[in-house]
Protein backbone atom coordinates (compact mmCIF):
# COMPACT_ATOMS: atom_id res chain seq x y z
CA UNK A 1 -41.16 -17.02 10.60
CA UNK A 2 -41.51 -16.96 6.82
CA UNK A 3 -41.01 -13.97 4.59
CA UNK A 4 -43.52 -11.17 5.06
CA UNK A 5 -45.58 -10.47 1.93
CA UNK A 6 -48.19 -7.77 1.31
CA UNK A 7 -50.97 -8.75 -1.13
CA UNK A 8 -52.79 -5.79 -2.69
CA UNK A 9 -55.94 -6.43 -4.74
CA UNK A 10 -59.50 -5.12 -4.71
CA UNK A 11 -60.95 -8.58 -5.41
CA UNK A 12 -61.63 -10.26 -2.03
CA UNK A 13 -61.74 -13.76 -3.54
CA UNK A 14 -58.37 -13.22 -5.23
CA UNK A 15 -56.84 -11.97 -1.98
CA UNK A 16 -58.36 -14.83 0.01
CA UNK A 17 -57.09 -17.44 -2.43
CA UNK A 18 -53.58 -16.02 -2.67
CA UNK A 19 -53.36 -15.54 1.09
CA UNK A 20 -54.39 -19.12 1.78
CA UNK A 21 -52.07 -20.59 -0.84
CA UNK A 22 -49.03 -18.58 0.21
CA UNK A 23 -49.63 -19.20 3.90
CA UNK A 24 -49.50 -22.93 3.13
CA UNK A 25 -45.93 -22.30 1.97
CA UNK A 26 -45.02 -20.62 5.24
CA UNK A 27 -45.26 -16.97 4.23
CA UNK A 28 -46.60 -14.38 6.63
CA UNK A 29 -49.30 -12.49 4.71
CA UNK A 30 -50.76 -9.02 5.11
CA UNK A 31 -53.46 -7.65 2.81
CA UNK A 32 -54.74 -4.36 1.41
CA UNK A 33 -57.76 -3.69 -0.81
CA UNK A 34 -57.18 -0.22 -2.23
CA UNK A 35 -54.29 2.01 -3.21
CA UNK A 36 -54.31 4.24 -0.15
CA UNK A 37 -54.32 1.31 2.26
CA UNK A 38 -51.57 -0.37 0.25
CA UNK A 39 -49.36 2.70 0.26
CA UNK A 40 -49.84 3.30 3.97
CA UNK A 41 -48.99 -0.29 4.87
CA UNK A 42 -46.07 -0.47 2.45
CA UNK A 43 -44.46 2.64 3.92
CA UNK A 44 -45.32 1.98 7.58
CA UNK A 45 -44.38 -1.71 7.74
CA UNK A 46 -41.48 -3.86 6.61
CA UNK A 47 -42.21 -6.40 3.86
CA UNK A 48 -39.95 -8.78 1.98
CA UNK A 49 -42.10 -8.58 -1.15
CA UNK A 50 -45.30 -6.91 -2.38
CA UNK A 51 -47.82 -8.41 -4.81
CA UNK A 52 -49.58 -5.42 -6.30
CA UNK A 53 -52.66 -5.30 -8.52
CA UNK A 54 -52.67 -2.62 -11.21
CA UNK A 55 -56.34 -1.64 -11.07
CA UNK A 56 -57.14 -0.38 -7.58
CA UNK A 57 -59.71 2.00 -6.06
CA UNK A 58 -58.27 5.32 -4.97
CA UNK A 59 -54.65 5.36 -6.09
CA UNK A 60 -53.97 2.94 -8.93
CA UNK A 61 -51.23 0.34 -8.77
CA UNK A 62 -48.81 2.27 -10.96
CA UNK A 63 -48.90 5.31 -8.69
CA UNK A 64 -48.64 3.12 -5.59
CA UNK A 65 -45.59 1.43 -7.13
CA UNK A 66 -44.02 4.77 -8.00
CA UNK A 67 -44.55 6.21 -4.51
CA UNK A 68 -43.15 3.09 -2.85
CA UNK A 69 -40.06 3.35 -5.05
CA UNK A 70 -39.43 6.87 -3.76
CA UNK A 71 -38.87 5.36 -0.30
CA UNK A 72 -38.11 1.66 -0.67
CA UNK A 73 -36.52 -1.00 -2.86
CA UNK A 74 -38.81 -3.79 -1.64
CA UNK A 75 -39.38 -6.24 -4.54
CA UNK A 76 -42.75 -5.73 -6.26
CA UNK A 77 -44.60 -8.22 -8.47
CA UNK A 78 -47.41 -6.55 -10.38
CA UNK A 79 -50.59 -8.52 -11.12
CA UNK A 80 -53.16 -7.31 -13.56
CA UNK A 81 -55.85 -8.35 -16.00
CA UNK A 82 -54.26 -6.02 -18.56
CA UNK A 83 -52.02 -8.15 -20.76
CA UNK A 84 -50.97 -5.61 -23.37
CA UNK A 85 -47.25 -4.99 -23.72
CA UNK A 86 -47.65 -1.30 -22.96
CA UNK A 87 -49.06 -2.12 -19.52
CA UNK A 88 -46.19 -4.47 -18.78
CA UNK A 89 -43.70 -1.85 -19.87
CA UNK A 90 -45.44 0.81 -17.79
CA UNK A 91 -45.36 -1.46 -14.75
CA UNK A 92 -41.62 -1.93 -15.14
CA UNK A 93 -41.14 1.76 -15.89
CA UNK A 94 -42.79 2.63 -12.59
CA UNK A 95 -40.46 0.33 -10.70
CA UNK A 96 -42.05 -3.13 -10.59
CA UNK A 97 -39.56 -6.00 -10.52
CA UNK A 98 -41.80 -8.49 -12.27
CA UNK A 99 -45.19 -8.72 -13.93
CA UNK A 100 -47.86 -11.41 -14.23
CA UNK A 101 -51.08 -11.25 -16.22
CA UNK A 102 -54.33 -12.63 -14.82
CA UNK A 103 -55.36 -15.39 -14.99
CA UNK A 104 -52.06 -16.90 -13.92
CA UNK A 105 -50.83 -20.21 -12.63
CA UNK A 106 -50.30 -20.00 -8.86
CA UNK A 107 -47.26 -22.26 -9.22
CA UNK A 108 -45.69 -19.74 -11.60
CA UNK A 109 -46.35 -16.93 -9.13
CA UNK A 110 -44.79 -18.98 -6.32
CA UNK A 111 -41.76 -19.74 -8.50
CA UNK A 112 -41.28 -16.06 -9.23
CA UNK A 113 -41.65 -15.13 -5.56
CA UNK A 114 -39.02 -17.71 -4.59
CA UNK A 115 -36.68 -16.57 -7.36
CA UNK A 116 -36.89 -12.94 -6.27
CA UNK A 117 -36.41 -13.78 -2.59
CA UNK A 118 -33.43 -16.03 -3.42
CA UNK A 119 -31.79 -13.19 -5.27
CA UNK A 120 -32.38 -10.82 -2.37
CA UNK A 121 -30.80 -13.26 0.09
CA UNK A 122 -27.87 -13.96 -2.24
CA UNK A 123 -27.38 -10.28 -2.83
CA UNK A 124 -27.39 -9.47 0.88
CA UNK A 125 -25.01 -12.36 1.58
CA UNK A 126 -22.57 -11.21 -1.04
CA UNK A 127 -22.61 -7.60 0.03
CA UNK A 128 -19.31 -6.55 1.49
CA UNK A 129 -17.43 -3.32 1.71
CA UNK A 130 -17.06 -3.16 -2.05
CA UNK A 131 -17.16 0.27 -3.57
CA UNK A 132 -16.85 0.73 -7.32
CA UNK A 133 -15.61 4.16 -8.42
CA UNK A 134 -15.42 5.51 -11.95
CA UNK A 135 -14.79 9.25 -12.30
CA UNK A 136 -17.49 10.94 -10.20
CA UNK A 137 -19.55 7.78 -10.21
CA UNK A 138 -19.69 5.54 -7.10
CA UNK A 139 -21.54 2.29 -6.39
CA UNK A 140 -21.61 1.28 -2.73
CA UNK A 141 -22.72 -2.36 -2.57
CA UNK A 142 -22.99 -2.31 1.22
CA UNK A 143 -25.71 0.28 1.29
CA UNK A 144 -26.84 -0.38 -2.28
CA UNK A 145 -26.33 3.30 -2.99
CA UNK A 146 -25.25 4.98 -6.18
CA UNK A 147 -23.79 8.45 -6.19
CA UNK A 148 -23.25 10.44 -9.37
CA UNK A 149 -21.44 13.77 -9.26
CA UNK A 150 -22.01 13.94 -5.51
CA UNK A 151 -25.74 13.27 -5.70
CA UNK A 152 -27.32 10.03 -4.49
CA UNK A 153 -29.45 8.39 -7.17
CA UNK A 154 -32.58 6.41 -6.30
CA UNK A 155 -32.63 3.12 -8.21
CA UNK A 156 -35.07 0.23 -8.15
CA UNK A 157 -33.78 -3.17 -7.04
CA UNK A 158 -33.57 -4.38 -10.63
CA UNK A 159 -31.88 -1.22 -11.83
CA UNK A 160 -29.26 -1.51 -9.09
CA UNK A 161 -28.62 -5.20 -9.81
CA UNK A 162 -28.28 -4.46 -13.53
CA UNK A 163 -25.91 -1.56 -12.94
CA UNK A 164 -23.81 -3.56 -10.47
CA UNK A 165 -23.49 -6.48 -12.89
CA UNK A 166 -22.39 -4.25 -15.75
CA UNK A 167 -20.03 -2.09 -13.67
CA UNK A 168 -18.45 -5.16 -12.05
CA UNK A 169 -17.54 -6.43 -15.52
CA UNK A 170 -16.27 -3.36 -17.39
CA UNK A 171 -15.89 -3.91 -21.12
CA UNK A 172 -17.79 -7.20 -21.09
CA UNK A 173 -20.73 -7.18 -23.49
CA UNK A 174 -23.89 -8.83 -22.17
CA UNK A 175 -26.65 -9.84 -24.56
CA UNK A 176 -30.22 -9.06 -23.58
CA UNK A 177 -30.85 -12.77 -23.08
CA UNK A 178 -27.89 -13.02 -20.69
CA UNK A 179 -29.06 -10.02 -18.71
CA UNK A 180 -32.56 -11.44 -18.40
CA UNK A 181 -31.21 -14.76 -17.19
CA UNK A 182 -28.73 -13.31 -14.70
CA UNK A 183 -30.79 -10.44 -13.30
CA UNK A 184 -34.21 -12.05 -13.38
CA UNK A 185 -32.70 -15.38 -12.41
CA UNK A 186 -35.03 -17.76 -14.22
CA UNK A 187 -36.55 -18.36 -17.61
CA UNK A 188 -38.23 -15.01 -18.00
CA UNK A 189 -41.51 -15.03 -19.87
CA UNK A 190 -41.43 -11.39 -20.88
CA UNK A 191 -39.75 -9.96 -23.94
CA UNK A 192 -36.30 -8.51 -24.42
CA UNK A 193 -37.63 -4.96 -24.25
CA UNK A 194 -37.68 -5.44 -20.49
CA UNK A 195 -33.90 -5.03 -20.60
CA UNK A 196 -34.10 -2.02 -22.91
CA UNK A 197 -36.58 -0.32 -20.57
CA UNK A 198 -34.32 -0.79 -17.56
CA UNK A 199 -31.21 0.32 -19.46
CA UNK A 200 -32.97 3.47 -20.64
CA UNK A 201 -34.14 4.28 -17.12
CA UNK A 202 -30.65 3.69 -15.75
CA UNK A 203 -29.14 6.01 -18.32
CA UNK A 204 -31.70 8.70 -17.53
CA UNK A 205 -30.73 8.48 -13.87
CA UNK A 206 -26.95 8.20 -14.03
CA UNK A 207 -25.79 9.69 -17.31
CA UNK A 208 -25.22 13.39 -17.83
CA UNK A 209 -26.77 13.03 -21.30
CA UNK A 210 -28.73 9.78 -21.67
CA UNK A 211 -28.72 10.07 -25.48
CA UNK A 212 -24.91 10.11 -25.42
CA UNK A 213 -24.08 7.78 -22.53
CA UNK A 214 -20.60 7.73 -21.00
CA UNK A 215 -20.98 4.66 -18.79
CA UNK A 216 -23.56 2.18 -20.08
CA UNK A 217 -22.79 1.67 -23.74
CA UNK A 218 -24.52 -0.24 -26.54
CA UNK A 219 -22.85 -2.85 -28.70
CA UNK A 220 -25.20 -2.66 -31.63
CA UNK A 221 -26.73 -5.98 -32.54
CA UNK A 222 -25.22 -7.63 -29.45
CA UNK A 223 -26.14 -5.99 -26.15
CA UNK A 224 -24.87 -3.64 -23.46
CA UNK A 225 -21.66 -3.08 -21.53
CA UNK A 226 -20.07 -0.78 -18.97
CA UNK A 227 -17.16 1.23 -20.25
CA UNK A 228 -13.65 0.15 -19.34
CA UNK A 229 -12.27 1.93 -16.32
CA UNK A 230 -9.33 4.25 -16.96
């Protein structure tokens, strides 16, 4: 059985076309046509990936994405007719893993789906008993859990992957281009602010004072790095 994907869009023709095309590639497809139905299915069923439209009746796609993230790290690709940068940034801010603007090339969507699913499989294969500890900061790769000062922090899949990469290479400075390539895993079509958005969100979640970070540091003009462990 192929990977299980939930397609969420209020345009029946769009859903029908995507469903048919993805089923030809062996995916098992479920569908939803509004925000409430999408949220119910996303939380009640197990999916390998969700394709989520931004503009939905009832609850909009951003809120659906945010509510899913409170419970799940399932990869989410956001689809929307809104191509402005602010909408892309908002989608990522609310926890989407990727973003495509309509109209899009179905081959590009399929490539992005495969890239995300490959990373999930590779990540699960690599997971061992590894635990990274720095001060009161712990990353448990087995359960993909992060604990800061005794409190478990809820991270998106991308945020966790980014944090794990940086923390596994303390002191190593990664440029934004390198982080896009490694974390997103393919030639990303977005801009470098995608990295900045995720770094800022990570700092807000794990740092005591995100404006004066202790763990994820900036090398001005170069990129980001995790502080050397004592």
